[in-house]
Protein backbone atom coordinates (compact mmCIF):
# COMPACT_ATOMS: atom_id res chain seq x y z
CA UNK A 1 0.94 22.43 -3.30
CA UNK A 2 1.51 18.80 -4.20
CA UNK A 3 4.69 19.53 -6.34
CA UNK A 4 6.04 21.38 -3.24
CA UNK A 5 5.48 18.58 -1.05
CA UNK A 6 7.18 16.18 -3.44
CA UNK A 7 9.85 18.45 -4.74
CA UNK A 8 12.67 16.01 -2.75
CA UNK A 9 11.18 12.73 -4.24
CA UNK A 10 11.64 11.13 -7.52
CA UNK A 11 8.16 10.05 -8.95
CA UNK A 12 8.06 7.02 -11.10
CA UNK A 13 4.87 6.13 -12.98
CA UNK A 14 5.06 2.59 -14.35
CA UNK A 15 2.15 3.01 -16.81
CA UNK A 16 1.73 3.53 -20.37
CA UNK A 17 -1.73 4.82 -19.94
CA UNK A 18 -1.89 8.36 -21.50
CA UNK A 19 -4.62 9.09 -19.19
CA UNK A 20 -2.88 8.11 -15.86
CA UNK A 21 0.34 10.41 -17.36
CA UNK A 22 -2.07 13.16 -18.03
CA UNK A 23 -3.63 12.94 -14.44
CA UNK A 24 -0.22 13.38 -12.68
CA UNK A 25 0.91 16.42 -15.27
CA UNK A 26 -2.47 18.04 -14.08
CA UNK A 27 -1.81 17.51 -10.63
CA UNK A 28 1.39 19.34 -11.17
CA UNK A 29 3.43 16.30 -10.16
CA UNK A 30 6.84 15.70 -12.31
CA UNK A 31 7.54 12.39 -12.88
CA UNK A 32 9.47 9.71 -15.24
CA UNK A 33 7.66 6.59 -16.76
CA UNK A 34 9.61 3.39 -16.53
CA UNK A 35 7.69 0.13 -17.81
CA UNK A 36 8.21 -3.17 -16.97
CA UNK A 37 7.22 -6.29 -18.81
CA UNK A 38 4.85 -7.95 -16.53
CA UNK A 39 2.43 -10.85 -17.35
CA UNK A 40 -0.96 -9.85 -15.82
CA UNK A 41 -2.22 -13.20 -14.72
CA UNK A 42 -4.15 -13.34 -11.31
CA UNK A 43 -5.50 -16.48 -9.26
CA UNK A 44 -8.70 -17.47 -10.59
CA UNK A 45 -10.13 -17.41 -6.94
CA UNK A 46 -9.71 -13.54 -6.72
CA UNK A 47 -12.87 -11.25 -6.97
CA UNK A 48 -13.31 -7.61 -7.61
CA UNK A 49 -10.70 -5.33 -5.91
CA UNK A 50 -8.32 -8.25 -4.95
CA UNK A 51 -7.94 -8.80 -8.57
CA UNK A 52 -6.74 -4.87 -9.26
CA UNK A 53 -4.62 -4.81 -5.87
CA UNK A 54 -2.92 -8.26 -6.76
CA UNK A 55 -2.13 -6.71 -10.55
CA UNK A 56 -0.96 -3.38 -9.09
CA UNK A 57 1.39 -4.99 -6.82
CA UNK A 58 2.34 -7.51 -9.56
CA UNK A 59 3.44 -4.58 -11.77
CA UNK A 60 5.51 -2.93 -8.93
CA UNK A 61 7.23 -5.91 -7.96
CA UNK A 62 9.82 -5.89 -10.67
CA UNK A 63 10.98 -2.49 -8.90
CA UNK A 64 13.52 -4.11 -6.52
CA UNK A 65 16.20 -1.23 -6.24
CA UNK A 66 14.34 2.10 -5.63
CA UNK A 67 16.30 4.83 -4.07
CA UNK A 68 15.39 6.07 -0.48
CA UNK A 69 13.97 9.13 -2.44
CA UNK A 70 11.86 6.96 -5.04
CA UNK A 71 8.06 6.90 -5.21
CA UNK A 72 6.93 4.27 -7.66
CA UNK A 73 3.11 4.26 -8.79
CA UNK A 74 1.46 1.61 -10.69
CA UNK A 75 -1.92 0.94 -11.23
CA UNK A 76 -4.51 -1.61 -12.67
CA UNK A 77 -8.26 -1.21 -13.61
CA UNK A 78 -10.83 -3.68 -14.42
CA UNK A 79 -14.68 -3.72 -15.37
CA UNK A 80 -16.52 -6.08 -13.13
CA UNK A 81 -20.13 -7.18 -14.17
CA UNK A 82 -21.89 -10.30 -13.17
CA UNK A 83 -19.16 -11.55 -10.75
CA UNK A 84 -16.65 -11.56 -13.85
CA UNK A 85 -13.73 -9.36 -14.64
CA UNK A 86 -13.64 -7.89 -17.95
CA UNK A 87 -10.24 -6.34 -19.25
CA UNK A 88 -9.35 -4.99 -22.60
CA UNK A 89 -10.84 -6.46 -25.43
CA UNK A 90 -8.75 -8.59 -27.70
CA UNK A 91 -10.12 -7.82 -31.13
CA UNK A 92 -13.23 -6.16 -32.65
CA UNK A 93 -15.63 -9.33 -32.07
CA UNK A 94 -14.49 -9.61 -28.52
CA UNK A 95 -15.32 -5.75 -28.17
CA UNK A 96 -18.86 -6.23 -29.55
CA UNK A 97 -19.24 -9.31 -26.86
CA UNK A 98 -18.02 -7.12 -24.14
CA UNK A 99 -20.64 -3.99 -24.98
CA UNK A 100 -23.51 -6.44 -25.72
CA UNK A 101 -22.89 -7.44 -21.91
CA UNK A 102 -22.50 -3.86 -20.64
CA UNK A 103 -25.68 -2.96 -22.66
CA UNK A 104 -28.55 -1.80 -20.31
CA UNK A 105 -26.81 -2.87 -17.04
CA UNK A 106 -24.86 -1.49 -14.21
CA UNK A 107 -21.14 -2.73 -13.70
CA UNK A 108 -18.33 -1.69 -11.21
CA UNK A 109 -15.09 -0.11 -12.42
CA UNK A 110 -12.58 -1.05 -9.88
CA UNK A 111 -8.93 0.71 -9.88
CA UNK A 112 -6.19 0.15 -7.78
CA UNK A 113 -2.74 1.91 -7.08
CA UNK A 114 0.23 0.37 -5.64
CA UNK A 115 2.68 3.10 -4.06
CA UNK A 116 6.03 1.57 -3.45
CA UNK A 117 9.03 3.16 -1.81
CA UNK A 118 12.47 1.65 -0.67
CA UNK A 119 10.82 0.98 2.75
CA UNK A 120 7.13 0.72 2.08
CA UNK A 121 4.32 -0.18 -0.10
CA UNK A 122 0.77 0.93 0.22
CA UNK A 123 -2.27 -0.29 -2.30
CA UNK A 124 -5.60 1.64 -2.15
CA UNK A 125 -8.38 1.15 -4.64
CA UNK A 126 -11.56 2.73 -5.60
CA UNK A 127 -15.05 1.39 -7.18
CA UNK A 128 -17.55 3.60 -9.44
CA UNK A 129 -20.76 2.06 -10.58
CA UNK A 130 -21.52 2.88 -14.19
CA UNK A 131 -24.85 2.55 -15.75
CA UNK A 132 -25.06 2.08 -19.46
CA UNK A 133 -28.25 2.42 -21.32
CA UNK A 134 -29.43 -0.18 -24.01
CA UNK A 135 -26.90 0.16 -26.61
CA UNK A 136 -27.83 -0.46 -30.38
CA UNK A 137 -25.74 -2.44 -32.85
CA UNK A 138 -25.11 0.74 -34.71
CA UNK A 139 -24.00 2.45 -31.76
CA UNK A 140 -21.77 -0.34 -30.70
CA UNK A 141 -20.14 -0.82 -34.50
CA UNK A 142 -19.80 2.86 -34.54
CA UNK A 143 -17.93 3.48 -31.21
CA UNK A 144 -15.64 0.50 -32.10
CA UNK A 145 -14.91 1.36 -35.76
CA UNK A 146 -14.24 5.26 -34.58
CA UNK A 147 -12.54 5.16 -31.41
CA UNK A 148 -10.03 2.97 -29.57
CA UNK A 149 -11.79 0.31 -27.30
CA UNK A 150 -8.58 -1.87 -27.34
CA UNK A 151 -6.49 -0.14 -24.75
CA UNK A 152 -9.32 0.27 -22.18
CA UNK A 153 -10.93 -2.30 -19.61
CA UNK A 154 -14.30 -2.81 -20.53
CA UNK A 155 -13.46 -1.27 -23.88
CA UNK A 156 -14.67 2.09 -23.61
CA UNK A 157 -13.47 5.45 -22.17
CA UNK A 158 -16.23 7.18 -20.54
CA UNK A 159 -14.66 10.51 -21.62
CA UNK A 160 -15.21 9.26 -25.24
CA UNK A 161 -18.39 9.35 -27.30
CA UNK A 162 -19.66 6.37 -25.78
CA UNK A 163 -19.50 7.69 -22.49
CA UNK A 164 -21.76 10.85 -23.97
CA UNK A 165 -24.72 8.91 -25.27
CA UNK A 166 -24.32 5.70 -23.35
CA UNK A 167 -23.70 6.18 -19.77
CA UNK A 168 -27.17 7.25 -18.24
CA UNK A 169 -25.38 7.63 -14.52
CA UNK A 170 -22.35 6.83 -12.32
CA UNK A 171 -21.81 6.52 -8.80
CA UNK A 172 -18.49 7.48 -7.57
CA UNK A 173 -15.32 9.03 -9.21
CA UNK A 174 -15.61 9.65 -12.95
CA UNK A 175 -11.61 9.72 -12.93
CA UNK A 176 -11.55 6.14 -11.34
CA UNK A 177 -13.51 5.13 -14.59
CA UNK A 178 -10.75 6.77 -16.76
CA UNK A 179 -8.33 4.47 -14.79
CA UNK A 180 -7.23 6.83 -11.71
CA UNK A 181 -9.07 7.48 -8.68
CA UNK A 182 -7.18 10.67 -8.42
CA UNK A 183 -8.35 12.13 -5.02
CA UNK A 184 -7.26 8.91 -3.15
CA UNK A 185 -3.77 9.33 -4.91
CA UNK A 186 -3.65 13.05 -4.36
CA UNK A 187 -4.42 12.30 -0.44
CA UNK A 188 -1.62 9.48 -0.25
CA UNK A 189 1.14 11.52 -1.79
CA UNK A 190 0.43 14.30 0.65
CA UNK A 191 1.48 12.11 3.62
CA UNK A 192 5.01 11.86 1.90
């Protein structure tokens, strides 16, 4: 259905995330990947979804000469806890610090999507509440050693082992926690 609707468009995904790429494939959308280097720095006064909205738009900014049938998709995800944005861990010590902060608490996962054409741009976002159980030091170390925490906001993939054993419940979109509120993207793309 969506593939028929978009057959006259060239979809460009500006994301190296294998999860986002898989989501588009699973929707039946044909797309190309085009990555531009962007320094992901945002004004410090921004909070929550204002951060991800800003960064999703920032990732779209280098794409200045889109053709009339191009649709560019960029996205950004953060974990929001205690009025602070948590991005990707920089190293093992940072990952341990992040998991200790998330342990036993509720946090929000916020993802924004920027959809840009040659004539317009729209930003949408979604927020999911995630509740972690109290994680033991052994559980944290096991996850960091055996999985890939360094390419994910908050250091975790809800679809990984830590999600199986550590997440008590979520309120909102599971796929948003994986990095893309697919239901919202699908609705927007149907409008083309």
